[in-house]
Protein backbone atom coordinates (compact mmCIF):
# COMPACT_ATOMS: atom_id res chain seq x y z
CA MET A 1 0.00 0.00 0.00
CA ASN A 2 2.81 2.41 0.88
CA ARG A 3 4.46 1.57 -2.35
CA GLN A 4 1.34 2.54 -4.31
CA ARG A 5 1.10 5.85 -2.45
CA GLY A 6 4.72 6.58 -3.32
CA MET A 7 4.07 5.84 -7.00
CA VAL A 8 0.93 8.01 -6.99
CA LEU A 9 2.91 10.83 -5.38
CA LEU A 10 5.73 10.45 -7.90
CA LEU A 11 3.28 10.32 -10.81
CA ALA A 12 1.46 13.42 -9.49
CA LEU A 13 4.78 15.29 -9.19
CA VAL A 14 5.83 14.32 -12.72
CA LEU A 15 2.44 15.40 -14.11
CA SER A 16 2.66 18.69 -12.18
CA LEU A 17 6.15 19.28 -13.57
CA PHE A 18 4.94 18.50 -17.08
CA LEU A 19 1.97 20.89 -16.75
CA GLY A 20 4.28 23.59 -15.34
CA LEU A 21 6.65 23.24 -18.31
CA LEU A 22 3.71 23.34 -20.70
CA ALA A 23 2.39 26.51 -19.06
CA ALA A 24 5.85 28.14 -19.15
CA SER A 25 6.19 27.29 -22.83
CA ALA A 26 2.75 28.74 -23.60
CA LEU A 27 3.65 31.91 -21.69
CA ARG A 28 6.92 32.26 -23.60
CA ASP A 29 5.08 31.82 -26.92
CA ALA A 30 2.53 34.45 -25.88
CA LEU A 31 5.32 36.90 -24.99
CA VAL A 32 7.07 36.33 -28.33
CA GLU A 33 3.79 36.85 -30.18
CA THR A 34 3.16 40.07 -28.23
CA ARG A 35 6.61 41.37 -29.19
CA LEU A 36 6.04 40.48 -32.84
CA THR A 37 2.66 42.21 -32.82
CA GLY A 38 4.24 45.32 -31.31
CA ALA A 39 7.01 45.32 -33.90
CA MET A 40 4.46 44.93 -36.70
CA ARG A 41 2.37 47.78 -35.29
CA ASP A 42 5.48 49.98 -35.07
CA GLY A 43 6.38 49.11 -38.66
CA LEU A 44 2.90 49.95 -39.94
CA LEU A 45 2.91 53.24 -38.01
CA ALA A 46 6.33 54.11 -39.44
CA PHE A 47 5.14 53.25 -42.96
CA ALA A 48 2.10 55.52 -42.53
CA GLN A 49 4.38 58.30 -41.28
CA ALA A 50 6.67 57.89 -44.30
CA GLN A 51 3.65 58.03 -46.64
CA ALA A 52 2.46 61.22 -44.92
CA MET A 53 5.92 62.75 -45.37
CA LEU A 54 5.94 61.71 -49.03
CA GLN A 55 2.66 63.62 -49.43
CA ALA A 56 4.14 66.60 -47.54
CA GLY A 57 7.07 66.55 -49.97
CA VAL A 58 4.69 66.59 -52.96
CA GLU A 59 2.80 69.53 -51.45
CA GLN A 60 6.10 71.37 -50.97
CA LEU A 61 6.99 70.50 -54.57
CA GLN A 62 3.78 72.15 -55.79
CA GLN A 63 4.67 75.35 -53.93
CA ALA A 64 8.33 75.69 -54.94
CA GLN A 65 10.50 73.39 -57.05
CA PRO A 66 14.15 72.85 -56.08
CA LEU A 67 16.95 73.80 -58.44
CA SER A 68 18.37 71.14 -60.74
CA CYS A 69 21.34 69.21 -59.40
CA LYS A 70 24.15 67.50 -61.28
CA GLY A 71 24.19 63.71 -61.07
CA CYS A 72 21.66 63.56 -58.23
CA PRO A 73 22.22 60.25 -56.45
CA PRO A 74 19.63 59.14 -53.91
CA PRO A 75 20.35 60.39 -50.38
CA PRO A 76 23.06 58.26 -48.76
CA ARG A 77 21.99 56.39 -45.63
CA PRO A 78 18.54 57.96 -45.31
CA HIS A 79 17.70 55.80 -42.27
CA ASP A 80 20.37 57.78 -40.38
CA LEU A 81 19.22 61.13 -41.88
CA HIS A 82 22.52 61.98 -43.54
CA GLY A 83 22.21 65.00 -45.84
CA GLN A 84 19.82 67.96 -46.03
CA TRP A 85 16.34 67.11 -44.75
CA GLN A 86 13.21 69.18 -44.23
CA ARG A 87 11.35 68.46 -41.02
CA GLY A 88 7.65 67.66 -41.09
CA LYS A 89 5.03 66.65 -38.55
CA ASP A 90 5.60 62.90 -39.02
CA GLY A 91 9.24 62.78 -40.09
CA TYR A 92 11.56 64.18 -42.73
CA PHE A 93 11.64 64.61 -46.50
CA GLN A 94 14.09 65.67 -49.18
CA LEU A 95 13.36 67.04 -52.67
CA GLN A 96 15.71 66.68 -55.65
CA ASN A 97 15.31 68.05 -59.17
CA LEU A 98 16.51 65.28 -61.50
CA GLY A 99 16.23 67.38 -64.69
CA THR A 100 14.02 67.26 -67.77
CA THR A 101 13.13 64.47 -70.18
CA THR A 102 10.69 63.59 -72.93
CA ARG A 103 10.66 59.87 -72.07
CA ALA A 104 8.94 59.70 -68.67
CA ALA A 105 6.83 56.63 -67.99
CA HIS A 106 3.05 57.13 -67.77
CA MET A 107 3.32 60.47 -69.61
CA PRO A 108 2.41 61.20 -73.27
CA ASN A 109 5.24 60.46 -75.73
CA GLY A 110 7.39 63.48 -76.44
CA GLU A 111 5.94 65.60 -73.63
CA ARG A 112 8.73 67.50 -71.91
CA VAL A 113 8.58 67.04 -68.14
CA THR A 114 10.76 67.82 -65.16
CA LEU A 115 11.45 64.88 -62.85
CA TYR A 116 11.67 65.27 -59.08
CA ARG A 117 12.71 62.72 -56.47
CA VAL A 118 10.97 62.90 -53.09
CA THR A 119 12.56 60.85 -50.31
CA ALA A 120 10.53 60.52 -47.11
CA VAL A 121 11.69 59.17 -43.74
CA SER A 122 9.38 58.30 -40.86
CA GLN A 123 9.83 59.81 -37.44
CA GLN A 124 9.61 56.37 -35.79
CA LEU A 125 13.14 55.38 -34.78
CA ALA A 126 12.85 51.69 -33.93
CA ALA A 127 11.02 50.68 -37.12
CA ARG A 128 12.11 53.56 -39.37
CA GLN A 129 10.74 53.42 -42.92
CA VAL A 130 12.10 55.21 -46.00
CA LEU A 131 10.03 55.74 -49.14
CA GLU A 132 11.29 57.24 -52.36
CA ALA A 133 9.17 58.40 -55.30
CA VAL A 134 9.84 60.12 -58.61
CA TYR A 135 7.27 62.63 -59.85
CA ALA A 136 6.90 64.33 -63.23
CA ILE A 137 5.57 67.84 -63.84
CA PRO A 138 4.94 68.89 -67.47
CA ILE A 139 6.87 72.01 -68.49
CA ALA A 140 4.38 73.37 -71.06
CA GLN A 141 1.31 73.20 -68.80
CA PRO A 142 2.33 72.76 -65.16
CA GLN A 143 -0.14 70.61 -63.27
CA ALA A 144 -0.20 68.42 -60.18
CA PRO A 145 2.86 66.15 -59.98
CA GLN A 146 2.26 62.67 -61.38
CA ARG A 147 4.04 59.78 -59.70
CA ILE A 148 6.22 57.86 -62.13
CA LEU A 149 7.63 55.27 -59.72
CA TRP A 150 8.24 54.60 -56.05
CA ARG A 151 10.21 52.21 -53.89
CA GLN A 152 10.73 51.36 -50.26
CA ARG A 153 14.37 51.67 -49.26
CA LEU A 154 15.71 49.12 -46.83
CA ARG A 155 18.45 49.82 -44.32
CA GLN A 156 20.95 47.83 -46.43
CA ASP A 157 20.39 50.07 -49.51
């Protein structure tokens, strides 16, 4: 009889240990999922901020166009805000005049347009997002800038 009680006690302890490990594992998984959800939320917020700054750059472009630059490369290391940036409510943006062309995508053939690059950086530091877009404005009849292309720049770019 004593032997059975000892086995029952041992079995109960092993089952309790197993349930404790299972609960600890479930808690760890829940914490990891919470962190991932927070990181995703931060990334989406940063992306929305970068989009808002892209729009702010376009609005600034409609008010005053920057002067043309020679061999305008994209801003180096935009995630670290190297270069000349304009501050906005949700982050930073930079405007660059890339020059004129008659071969812009999504524009009528032969229409002379000026191309502008708008680079936008979110204010969010942990999940910083950088968006870059090229806009065309016709020279003959200036109108609202038309987006030609855009890309999301990664930290490695």
